[in-house]
Amino acid sequence: FNRSNQRFNDSFDRAVLRPVTVAYRKHVPQVIRTSVSNLIGNLKFPTTIVNDLLQLKLVDTGADIGRFVLNSTLGIGGLLDPATRIGIRRNDEDFGQTLGRWGVPAGPYVVLPLIGPSTLRDTPAIAADWQTDLRTHLDISTGARIALGMQAVVVRRESLLSADDALDSAYDRYAFIRNAWLQRR
């Protein structure tokens, strides 16, 4: 199951996602790419805040609320990232980590079509995180919502372009991705 989904994801990446991402990097100026990345990160940042709170990380909750408010106001809705410039650390929490904090075991590693690596615990947590992502609550057309989602995928893939050479040289691409993802997670 996992290896076949990995092959499907790799085929989709080679045929569609990587070429689009490479063209995006080549033709869109860095300042715009950074602003788009900042905006998307800011829109999904309430997920981190909610999960900080659910994990009883109260200091992180306060810092992340401050980060979100600062970037949403002085950062023009999140296009800019003044919080990083003044030294407010960015935390990264999600509902899968919250479940882990409260003792739910990760379970087996799974590869989801078009989504990629996950675990049995983290897979349903994706739906919970989506509820706290501001992109789901914006009053925009369906087309704009799809475009924003696709842009988020391209931004994420761009952050992973530097790993392509390591993946291409791996003896067992699936095992390499699985081990790297689980270690990072």
N, C-alpha and C. Protein backbone atom coordinates (compact mmCIF):
# COMPACT_ATOMS: atom_id res chain seq x y z
N PHE A 1 0.83 -1.20 0.00
CA PHE A 1 0.00 0.00 0.00
C PHE A 1 0.87 1.26 0.00
N ASN A 2 1.81 1.32 0.95
CA ASN A 2 2.65 2.51 1.06
C ASN A 2 3.54 2.71 -0.16
N ARG A 3 4.18 1.64 -0.60
CA ARG A 3 5.09 1.77 -1.75
C ARG A 3 4.33 2.14 -3.02
N SER A 4 3.14 1.60 -3.20
CA SER A 4 2.37 1.96 -4.41
C SER A 4 1.93 3.41 -4.34
N ASN A 5 1.51 3.88 -3.16
CA ASN A 5 1.16 5.29 -3.02
C ASN A 5 2.38 6.19 -3.20
N GLN A 6 3.54 5.74 -2.72
CA GLN A 6 4.77 6.50 -2.91
C GLN A 6 5.09 6.62 -4.40
N ARG A 7 4.95 5.52 -5.14
CA ARG A 7 5.20 5.55 -6.60
C ARG A 7 4.22 6.51 -7.29
N PHE A 8 2.95 6.45 -6.89
CA PHE A 8 1.95 7.36 -7.46
C PHE A 8 2.33 8.82 -7.16
N ASN A 9 2.67 9.11 -5.90
CA ASN A 9 3.04 10.47 -5.51
C ASN A 9 4.29 10.94 -6.26
N ASP A 10 5.27 10.04 -6.39
CA ASP A 10 6.49 10.39 -7.12
C ASP A 10 6.18 10.68 -8.59
N SER A 11 5.30 9.89 -9.19
CA SER A 11 4.92 10.12 -10.60
C SER A 11 4.22 11.47 -10.75
N PHE A 12 3.31 11.77 -9.85
CA PHE A 12 2.62 13.06 -9.88
C PHE A 12 3.61 14.20 -9.68
N ASP A 13 4.56 14.00 -8.77
CA ASP A 13 5.56 15.04 -8.52
C ASP A 13 6.41 15.29 -9.76
N ARG A 14 6.89 14.20 -10.38
CA ARG A 14 7.73 14.35 -11.58
C ARG A 14 6.97 14.98 -12.75
N ALA A 15 5.71 14.59 -12.92
CA ALA A 15 4.94 15.04 -14.07
C ALA A 15 4.35 16.44 -13.90
N VAL A 16 3.95 16.79 -12.67
CA VAL A 16 3.20 18.03 -12.47
C VAL A 16 3.84 18.95 -11.44
N LEU A 17 3.95 18.47 -10.22
CA LEU A 17 4.27 19.36 -9.11
C LEU A 17 5.68 19.94 -9.18
N ARG A 18 6.67 19.12 -9.43
CA ARG A 18 8.04 19.65 -9.50
C ARG A 18 8.22 20.63 -10.65
N PRO A 19 7.75 20.32 -11.87
CA PRO A 19 7.89 21.31 -12.96
C PRO A 19 7.19 22.64 -12.66
N VAL A 20 6.01 22.57 -12.09
CA VAL A 20 5.30 23.81 -11.73
C VAL A 20 6.10 24.58 -10.69
N THR A 21 6.63 23.87 -9.70
CA THR A 21 7.38 24.51 -8.62
C THR A 21 8.69 25.12 -9.15
N VAL A 22 9.38 24.42 -10.02
CA VAL A 22 10.62 24.95 -10.60
C VAL A 22 10.32 26.20 -11.43
N ALA A 23 9.24 26.18 -12.20
CA ALA A 23 8.85 27.36 -12.97
C ALA A 23 8.47 28.52 -12.05
N TYR A 24 7.77 28.20 -10.98
CA TYR A 24 7.41 29.23 -9.98
C TYR A 24 8.67 29.88 -9.42
N ARG A 25 9.62 29.07 -9.04
CA ARG A 25 10.87 29.61 -8.48
C ARG A 25 11.62 30.43 -9.52
N LYS A 26 11.61 29.99 -10.75
CA LYS A 26 12.36 30.68 -11.82
C LYS A 26 11.73 32.01 -12.22
N HIS A 27 10.40 32.08 -12.24
CA HIS A 27 9.73 33.24 -12.82
C HIS A 27 9.10 34.20 -11.81
N VAL A 28 8.98 33.79 -10.57
CA VAL A 28 8.38 34.67 -9.56
C VAL A 28 9.51 35.21 -8.68
N PRO A 29 9.61 36.52 -8.54
CA PRO A 29 10.69 37.09 -7.73
C PRO A 29 10.66 36.60 -6.28
N GLN A 30 11.84 36.48 -5.70
CA GLN A 30 11.99 35.97 -4.33
C GLN A 30 11.12 36.74 -3.33
N VAL A 31 11.07 38.05 -3.45
CA VAL A 31 10.30 38.85 -2.50
C VAL A 31 8.81 38.48 -2.53
N ILE A 32 8.30 38.18 -3.70
CA ILE A 32 6.90 37.77 -3.80
C ILE A 32 6.72 36.36 -3.26
N ARG A 33 7.65 35.45 -3.59
CA ARG A 33 7.55 34.08 -3.07
C ARG A 33 7.60 34.08 -1.55
N THR A 34 8.46 34.91 -0.97
CA THR A 34 8.55 35.00 0.48
C THR A 34 7.25 35.53 1.07
N SER A 35 6.70 36.56 0.46
CA SER A 35 5.44 37.13 0.96
C SER A 35 4.30 36.12 0.89
N VAL A 36 4.21 35.39 -0.20
CA VAL A 36 3.16 34.36 -0.34
C VAL A 36 3.35 33.27 0.71
N SER A 37 4.57 32.84 0.90
CA SER A 37 4.86 31.83 1.92
C SER A 37 4.50 32.33 3.32
N ASN A 38 4.85 33.59 3.60
CA ASN A 38 4.49 34.20 4.89
C ASN A 38 2.98 34.24 5.09
N LEU A 39 2.26 34.65 4.05
CA LEU A 39 0.80 34.75 4.13
C LEU A 39 0.17 33.39 4.41
N ILE A 40 0.57 32.38 3.67
CA ILE A 40 0.01 31.04 3.86
C ILE A 40 0.35 30.52 5.26
N GLY A 41 1.59 30.74 5.69
CA GLY A 41 1.97 30.33 7.05
C GLY A 41 1.16 31.05 8.11
N ASN A 42 0.88 32.31 7.90
CA ASN A 42 0.10 33.08 8.87
C ASN A 42 -1.35 32.60 8.93
N LEU A 43 -1.91 32.26 7.77
CA LEU A 43 -3.30 31.80 7.73
C LEU A 43 -3.47 30.46 8.45
N LYS A 44 -2.44 29.63 8.42
CA LYS A 44 -2.58 28.34 9.11
C LYS A 44 -2.00 28.37 10.54
N PHE A 45 -1.49 29.51 10.96
CA PHE A 45 -0.87 29.59 12.28
C PHE A 45 -1.83 29.40 13.46
N PRO A 46 -3.12 29.73 13.35
CA PRO A 46 -4.02 29.42 14.46
C PRO A 46 -4.02 27.93 14.85
N THR A 47 -3.71 27.06 13.90
CA THR A 47 -3.59 25.63 14.23
C THR A 47 -2.52 25.42 15.28
N THR A 48 -1.39 26.09 15.12
CA THR A 48 -0.31 25.98 16.11
C THR A 48 -0.77 26.52 17.46
N ILE A 49 -1.44 27.64 17.45
CA ILE A 49 -1.89 28.26 18.71
C ILE A 49 -2.86 27.34 19.45
N VAL A 50 -3.84 26.81 18.75
CA VAL A 50 -4.82 25.90 19.37
C VAL A 50 -4.11 24.68 19.94
N ASN A 51 -3.17 24.12 19.20
CA ASN A 51 -2.49 22.92 19.67
C ASN A 51 -1.48 23.21 20.78
N ASP A 52 -0.88 24.40 20.79
CA ASP A 52 -0.08 24.81 21.95
C ASP A 52 -0.95 24.74 23.20
N LEU A 53 -2.13 25.32 23.10
CA LEU A 53 -3.05 25.37 24.24
C LEU A 53 -3.50 23.97 24.65
N LEU A 54 -3.87 23.14 23.69
CA LEU A 54 -4.31 21.78 24.00
C LEU A 54 -3.21 20.93 24.64
N GLN A 55 -1.95 21.29 24.36
CA GLN A 55 -0.82 20.59 24.96
C GLN A 55 -0.36 21.24 26.27
N LEU A 56 -1.09 22.28 26.69
CA LEU A 56 -0.79 23.03 27.91
C LEU A 56 0.58 23.71 27.85
N LYS A 57 1.00 24.10 26.68
CA LYS A 57 2.23 24.86 26.49
C LYS A 57 1.85 26.34 26.54
N LEU A 58 1.63 26.84 27.74
CA LEU A 58 1.06 28.17 27.91
C LEU A 58 2.00 29.28 27.49
N VAL A 59 3.28 29.14 27.76
CA VAL A 59 4.25 30.16 27.33
C VAL A 59 4.30 30.22 25.80
N ASP A 60 4.36 29.04 25.17
CA ASP A 60 4.35 29.00 23.71
C ASP A 60 3.05 29.57 23.14
N THR A 61 1.93 29.27 23.81
CA THR A 61 0.64 29.80 23.37
C THR A 61 0.68 31.33 23.34
N GLY A 62 1.16 31.93 24.41
CA GLY A 62 1.25 33.39 24.48
C GLY A 62 2.17 33.95 23.42
N ALA A 63 3.34 33.32 23.25
CA ALA A 63 4.29 33.79 22.23
C ALA A 63 3.69 33.66 20.83
N ASP A 64 3.00 32.56 20.58
CA ASP A 64 2.43 32.36 19.25
C ASP A 64 1.25 33.28 18.98
N ILE A 65 0.47 33.59 20.00
CA ILE A 65 -0.59 34.58 19.82
C ILE A 65 0.03 35.94 19.48
N GLY A 66 1.08 36.30 20.19
CA GLY A 66 1.78 37.55 19.90
C GLY A 66 2.34 37.56 18.49
N ARG A 67 2.92 36.45 18.08
CA ARG A 67 3.47 36.33 16.73
C ARG A 67 2.37 36.52 15.68
N PHE A 68 1.25 35.84 15.89
CA PHE A 68 0.14 35.91 14.94
C PHE A 68 -0.43 37.33 14.86
N VAL A 69 -0.63 37.96 16.00
CA VAL A 69 -1.20 39.32 16.02
C VAL A 69 -0.22 40.30 15.35
N LEU A 70 1.05 40.20 15.69
CA LEU A 70 2.05 41.09 15.11
C LEU A 70 2.13 40.93 13.59
N ASN A 71 2.19 39.68 13.12
CA ASN A 71 2.29 39.45 11.69
C ASN A 71 1.00 39.80 10.95
N SER A 72 -0.14 39.65 11.64
CA SER A 72 -1.42 39.96 11.00
C SER A 72 -1.65 41.47 10.91
N THR A 73 -1.05 42.23 11.81
CA THR A 73 -1.27 43.68 11.81
C THR A 73 -0.09 44.39 11.14
N LEU A 74 1.03 44.48 11.82
CA LEU A 74 2.19 45.16 11.25
C LEU A 74 2.73 44.43 10.02
N GLY A 75 2.47 43.16 9.94
CA GLY A 75 2.93 42.36 8.80
C GLY A 75 1.95 42.33 7.64
N ILE A 76 0.97 43.21 7.67
CA ILE A 76 0.00 43.37 6.58
C ILE A 76 -0.68 42.03 6.25
N GLY A 77 -1.36 41.49 7.24
CA GLY A 77 -2.10 40.24 7.05
C GLY A 77 -1.22 39.01 7.00
N GLY A 78 0.06 39.18 7.23
CA GLY A 78 0.97 38.06 7.19
C GLY A 78 1.89 38.06 5.99
N LEU A 79 1.78 39.05 5.12
CA LEU A 79 2.69 39.13 3.96
C LEU A 79 4.13 39.34 4.42
N LEU A 80 4.28 40.07 5.52
CA LEU A 80 5.60 40.31 6.11
C LEU A 80 5.69 39.53 7.41
N ASP A 81 6.89 39.35 7.91
CA ASP A 81 7.11 38.57 9.13
C ASP A 81 7.93 39.37 10.15
N PRO A 82 7.35 40.45 10.69
CA PRO A 82 8.10 41.24 11.67
C PRO A 82 8.38 40.46 12.95
N ALA A 83 7.58 39.46 13.26
CA ALA A 83 7.80 38.69 14.48
C ALA A 83 9.15 37.98 14.48
N THR A 84 9.55 37.45 13.35
CA THR A 84 10.86 36.80 13.25
C THR A 84 11.97 37.84 13.40
N ARG A 85 11.77 39.00 12.77
CA ARG A 85 12.79 40.05 12.84
C ARG A 85 13.06 40.52 14.26
N ILE A 86 12.02 40.49 15.12
CA ILE A 86 12.26 40.93 16.50
C ILE A 86 12.55 39.76 17.44
N GLY A 87 12.66 38.56 16.87
CA GLY A 87 13.12 37.41 17.64
C GLY A 87 12.05 36.54 18.27
N ILE A 88 10.81 36.63 17.83
CA ILE A 88 9.78 35.74 18.35
C ILE A 88 9.88 34.42 17.58
N ARG A 89 10.23 33.38 18.30
CA ARG A 89 10.43 32.05 17.72
C ARG A 89 9.12 31.50 17.18
N ARG A 90 9.20 30.80 16.06
CA ARG A 90 8.04 30.17 15.43
C ARG A 90 7.93 28.73 15.92
N ASN A 91 6.82 28.38 16.53
CA ASN A 91 6.57 27.00 16.95
C ASN A 91 5.77 26.29 15.87
N ASP A 92 5.79 24.99 15.91
CA ASP A 92 5.08 24.19 14.91
C ASP A 92 4.38 23.04 15.63
N GLU A 93 3.11 23.21 15.89
CA GLU A 93 2.33 22.18 16.57
C GLU A 93 1.12 21.82 15.71
N ASP A 94 0.69 20.58 15.82
CA ASP A 94 -0.50 20.15 15.12
C ASP A 94 -1.25 19.14 16.00
N PHE A 95 -2.43 18.73 15.54
CA PHE A 95 -3.26 17.87 16.38
C PHE A 95 -2.67 16.47 16.54
N GLY A 96 -1.92 16.00 15.57
CA GLY A 96 -1.23 14.72 15.74
C GLY A 96 -0.25 14.78 16.90
N GLN A 97 0.48 15.89 17.01
CA GLN A 97 1.40 16.07 18.14
C GLN A 97 0.63 16.18 19.45
N THR A 98 -0.53 16.83 19.40
CA THR A 98 -1.36 16.95 20.60
C THR A 98 -1.82 15.57 21.06
N LEU A 99 -2.28 14.76 20.12
CA LEU A 99 -2.68 13.39 20.48
C LEU A 99 -1.49 12.63 21.08
N GLY A 100 -0.32 12.80 20.48
CA GLY A 100 0.89 12.16 21.02
C GLY A 100 1.21 12.64 22.42
N ARG A 101 1.02 13.93 22.66
CA ARG A 101 1.27 14.50 24.00
C ARG A 101 0.41 13.84 25.05
N TRP A 102 -0.80 13.45 24.66
CA TRP A 102 -1.73 12.83 25.61
C TRP A 102 -1.74 11.31 25.53
N GLY A 103 -0.69 10.73 24.93
CA GLY A 103 -0.48 9.30 25.02
C GLY A 103 -0.97 8.45 23.87
N VAL A 104 -1.52 9.04 22.83
CA VAL A 104 -1.98 8.24 21.70
C VAL A 104 -0.74 7.83 20.89
N PRO A 105 -0.52 6.53 20.72
CA PRO A 105 0.67 6.10 19.98
C PRO A 105 0.56 6.47 18.50
N ALA A 106 1.71 6.67 17.87
CA ALA A 106 1.75 7.09 16.47
C ALA A 106 1.14 6.04 15.55
N GLY A 107 1.32 4.79 15.86
CA GLY A 107 0.83 3.74 14.97
C GLY A 107 1.74 3.61 13.76
N PRO A 108 1.31 2.80 12.81
CA PRO A 108 2.17 2.56 11.65
C PRO A 108 2.28 3.76 10.73
N TYR A 109 3.37 3.78 10.01
CA TYR A 109 3.64 4.79 8.98
C TYR A 109 2.74 4.50 7.79
N VAL A 110 2.15 5.53 7.22
CA VAL A 110 1.33 5.37 6.01
C VAL A 110 1.68 6.47 5.01
N VAL A 111 1.54 6.15 3.74
CA VAL A 111 1.73 7.13 2.68
C VAL A 111 0.36 7.34 2.04
N LEU A 112 -0.10 8.58 2.08
CA LEU A 112 -1.41 8.91 1.54
C LEU A 112 -1.28 9.47 0.13
N PRO A 113 -2.17 9.08 -0.77
CA PRO A 113 -2.10 9.62 -2.14
C PRO A 113 -2.24 11.14 -2.13
N LEU A 114 -1.34 11.80 -2.83
CA LEU A 114 -1.28 13.25 -2.99
C LEU A 114 -0.96 14.02 -1.71
N ILE A 115 -1.04 13.39 -0.56
CA ILE A 115 -0.73 14.05 0.71
C ILE A 115 0.66 13.69 1.17
N GLY A 116 1.01 12.43 1.07
CA GLY A 116 2.35 11.99 1.42
C GLY A 116 2.43 11.29 2.76
N PRO A 117 3.58 11.36 3.41
CA PRO A 117 3.81 10.61 4.64
C PRO A 117 2.91 11.03 5.79
N SER A 118 2.54 10.06 6.59
CA SER A 118 1.75 10.30 7.79
C SER A 118 1.87 9.08 8.69
N THR A 119 1.12 9.07 9.76
CA THR A 119 0.99 7.88 10.59
C THR A 119 -0.49 7.65 10.82
N LEU A 120 -0.82 6.52 11.39
CA LEU A 120 -2.22 6.23 11.66
C LEU A 120 -2.83 7.27 12.60
N ARG A 121 -2.05 7.77 13.56
CA ARG A 121 -2.53 8.81 14.47
C ARG A 121 -2.66 10.16 13.76
N ASP A 122 -1.70 10.49 12.92
CA ASP A 122 -1.68 11.81 12.29
C ASP A 122 -2.68 11.96 11.16
N THR A 123 -3.09 10.87 10.55
CA THR A 123 -3.99 10.96 9.40
C THR A 123 -5.34 11.60 9.75
N PRO A 124 -6.07 11.13 10.76
CA PRO A 124 -7.32 11.82 11.09
C PRO A 124 -7.09 13.21 11.69
N ALA A 125 -5.91 13.43 12.25
CA ALA A 125 -5.59 14.74 12.83
C ALA A 125 -5.51 15.82 11.75
N ILE A 126 -5.26 15.42 10.51
CA ILE A 126 -5.22 16.39 9.42
C ILE A 126 -6.57 17.11 9.32
N ALA A 127 -7.66 16.35 9.48
CA ALA A 127 -9.00 16.95 9.41
C ALA A 127 -9.23 17.92 10.56
N ALA A 128 -8.75 17.60 11.74
CA ALA A 128 -8.90 18.50 12.88
C ALA A 128 -8.11 19.78 12.65
N ASP A 129 -6.90 19.66 12.14
CA ASP A 129 -6.07 20.84 11.87
C ASP A 129 -6.70 21.72 10.80
N TRP A 130 -7.36 21.13 9.84
CA TRP A 130 -7.99 21.90 8.77
C TRP A 130 -9.06 22.83 9.34
N GLN A 131 -9.69 22.43 10.45
CA GLN A 131 -10.75 23.25 11.06
C GLN A 131 -10.20 24.53 11.69
N THR A 132 -8.92 24.54 12.05
CA THR A 132 -8.33 25.72 12.68
C THR A 132 -7.48 26.53 11.70
N ASP A 133 -7.44 26.10 10.45
CA ASP A 133 -6.70 26.80 9.40
C ASP A 133 -7.62 27.88 8.83
N LEU A 134 -7.19 29.12 8.89
CA LEU A 134 -8.03 30.23 8.44
C LEU A 134 -8.40 30.15 6.96
N ARG A 135 -7.62 29.41 6.17
CA ARG A 135 -7.95 29.29 4.75
C ARG A 135 -9.32 28.65 4.56
N THR A 136 -9.76 27.81 5.49
CA THR A 136 -11.06 27.15 5.36
C THR A 136 -12.21 28.09 5.73
N HIS A 137 -11.90 29.20 6.38
CA HIS A 137 -12.94 30.11 6.86
C HIS A 137 -12.99 31.44 6.11
N LEU A 138 -12.14 31.61 5.12
CA LEU A 138 -12.15 32.83 4.34
C LEU A 138 -13.42 32.89 3.49
N ASP A 139 -14.00 34.06 3.37
CA ASP A 139 -15.20 34.25 2.56
C ASP A 139 -14.76 34.56 1.13
N ILE A 140 -14.34 33.51 0.44
CA ILE A 140 -13.87 33.65 -0.94
C ILE A 140 -14.55 32.60 -1.80
N SER A 141 -14.46 32.78 -3.09
CA SER A 141 -15.08 31.84 -4.02
C SER A 141 -14.39 30.48 -3.95
N THR A 142 -15.07 29.48 -4.44
CA THR A 142 -14.48 28.13 -4.47
C THR A 142 -13.22 28.13 -5.32
N GLY A 143 -13.23 28.82 -6.43
CA GLY A 143 -12.05 28.89 -7.29
C GLY A 143 -10.86 29.52 -6.58
N ALA A 144 -11.11 30.59 -5.84
CA ALA A 144 -10.04 31.24 -5.09
C ALA A 144 -9.52 30.33 -3.98
N ARG A 145 -10.44 29.60 -3.34
CA ARG A 145 -10.04 28.66 -2.28
C ARG A 145 -9.15 27.55 -2.85
N ILE A 146 -9.52 27.04 -4.02
CA ILE A 146 -8.71 26.00 -4.68
C ILE A 146 -7.36 26.57 -5.07
N ALA A 147 -7.35 27.78 -5.63
CA ALA A 147 -6.08 28.41 -6.02
C ALA A 147 -5.17 28.62 -4.81
N LEU A 148 -5.74 29.04 -3.70
CA LEU A 148 -4.95 29.23 -2.48
C LEU A 148 -4.39 27.90 -1.98
N GLY A 149 -5.20 26.86 -2.05
CA GLY A 149 -4.72 25.53 -1.65
C GLY A 149 -3.61 25.03 -2.55
N MET A 150 -3.76 25.24 -3.85
CA MET A 150 -2.72 24.82 -4.79
C MET A 150 -1.45 25.62 -4.58
N GLN A 151 -1.60 26.91 -4.29
CA GLN A 151 -0.43 27.74 -4.02
C GLN A 151 0.30 27.24 -2.78
N ALA A 152 -0.45 26.83 -1.76
CA ALA A 152 0.18 26.31 -0.54
C ALA A 152 0.98 25.05 -0.84
N VAL A 153 0.48 24.20 -1.73
CA VAL A 153 1.20 22.98 -2.12
C VAL A 153 2.50 23.35 -2.83
N VAL A 154 2.44 24.33 -3.73
CA VAL A 154 3.64 24.75 -4.46
C VAL A 154 4.67 25.36 -3.49
N VAL A 155 4.20 26.16 -2.54
CA VAL A 155 5.10 26.76 -1.55
C VAL A 155 5.78 25.66 -0.73
N ARG A 156 5.01 24.67 -0.32
CA ARG A 156 5.59 23.55 0.45
C ARG A 156 6.59 22.78 -0.39
N ARG A 157 6.24 22.51 -1.65
CA ARG A 157 7.16 21.76 -2.52
C ARG A 157 8.42 22.55 -2.77
N GLU A 158 8.30 23.88 -2.88
CA GLU A 158 9.50 24.70 -3.10
C GLU A 158 10.47 24.55 -1.93
N SER A 159 9.93 24.46 -0.73
CA SER A 159 10.80 24.31 0.45
C SER A 159 11.53 22.97 0.46
N LEU A 160 11.06 22.03 -0.35
CA LEU A 160 11.67 20.70 -0.39
C LEU A 160 12.54 20.46 -1.63
N LEU A 161 12.64 21.45 -2.52
CA LEU A 161 13.43 21.26 -3.73
C LEU A 161 14.88 20.91 -3.42
N SER A 162 15.41 21.46 -2.35
CA SER A 162 16.82 21.20 -2.01
C SER A 162 17.06 19.75 -1.62
N ALA A 163 16.01 19.00 -1.31
CA ALA A 163 16.16 17.59 -0.93
C ALA A 163 16.13 16.66 -2.13
N ASP A 164 15.85 17.18 -3.32
CA ASP A 164 15.70 16.33 -4.50
C ASP A 164 16.94 15.49 -4.80
N ASP A 165 18.12 16.09 -4.73
CA ASP A 165 19.35 15.34 -5.03
C ASP A 165 19.55 14.18 -4.06
N ALA A 166 19.29 14.41 -2.78
CA ALA A 166 19.42 13.34 -1.80
C ALA A 166 18.43 12.22 -2.08
N LEU A 167 17.21 12.58 -2.43
CA LEU A 167 16.19 11.56 -2.75
C LEU A 167 16.56 10.79 -4.01
N ASP A 168 17.06 11.49 -5.01
CA ASP A 168 17.42 10.83 -6.27
C ASP A 168 18.59 9.87 -6.11
N SER A 169 19.45 10.14 -5.14
CA SER A 169 20.61 9.27 -4.94
C SER A 169 20.36 8.17 -3.90
N ALA A 170 19.19 8.15 -3.30
CA ALA A 170 18.89 7.14 -2.28
C ALA A 170 18.74 5.77 -2.94
N TYR A 171 19.27 4.75 -2.30
CA TYR A 171 19.16 3.38 -2.81
C TYR A 171 17.70 2.93 -2.82
N ASP A 172 17.00 3.21 -1.71
CA ASP A 172 15.59 2.87 -1.59
C ASP A 172 14.85 4.16 -1.22
N ARG A 173 14.30 4.80 -2.22
CA ARG A 173 13.65 6.11 -2.04
C ARG A 173 12.56 6.05 -0.96
N TYR A 174 11.74 5.02 -1.01
CA TYR A 174 10.66 4.87 -0.03
C TYR A 174 11.21 4.80 1.39
N ALA A 175 12.20 3.93 1.61
CA ALA A 175 12.78 3.77 2.96
C ALA A 175 13.45 5.07 3.41
N PHE A 176 14.12 5.76 2.49
CA PHE A 176 14.77 7.02 2.83
C PHE A 176 13.75 8.05 3.31
N ILE A 177 12.66 8.20 2.54
CA ILE A 177 11.62 9.17 2.91
C ILE A 177 10.96 8.77 4.23
N ARG A 178 10.64 7.48 4.37
CA ARG A 178 10.01 7.01 5.61
C ARG A 178 10.88 7.31 6.82
N ASN A 179 12.15 6.95 6.75
CA ASN A 179 13.04 7.15 7.89
C ASN A 179 13.24 8.64 8.19
N ALA A 180 13.45 9.43 7.15
CA ALA A 180 13.65 10.87 7.35
C ALA A 180 12.39 11.51 7.94
N TRP A 181 11.23 11.14 7.41
CA TRP A 181 9.97 11.73 7.89
C TRP A 181 9.72 11.35 9.34
N LEU A 182 9.91 10.08 9.66
CA LEU A 182 9.66 9.64 11.05
C LEU A 182 10.65 10.28 12.03
N GLN A 183 11.91 10.42 11.62
CA GLN A 183 12.89 11.06 12.50
C GLN A 183 12.53 12.53 12.72
N ARG A 184 12.14 13.23 11.67
CA ARG A 184 11.77 14.63 11.80
C ARG A 184 10.49 14.78 12.63
N ARG A 185 9.57 13.88 12.42
CA ARG A 185 8.29 13.94 13.14
C ARG A 185 8.50 13.71 14.61
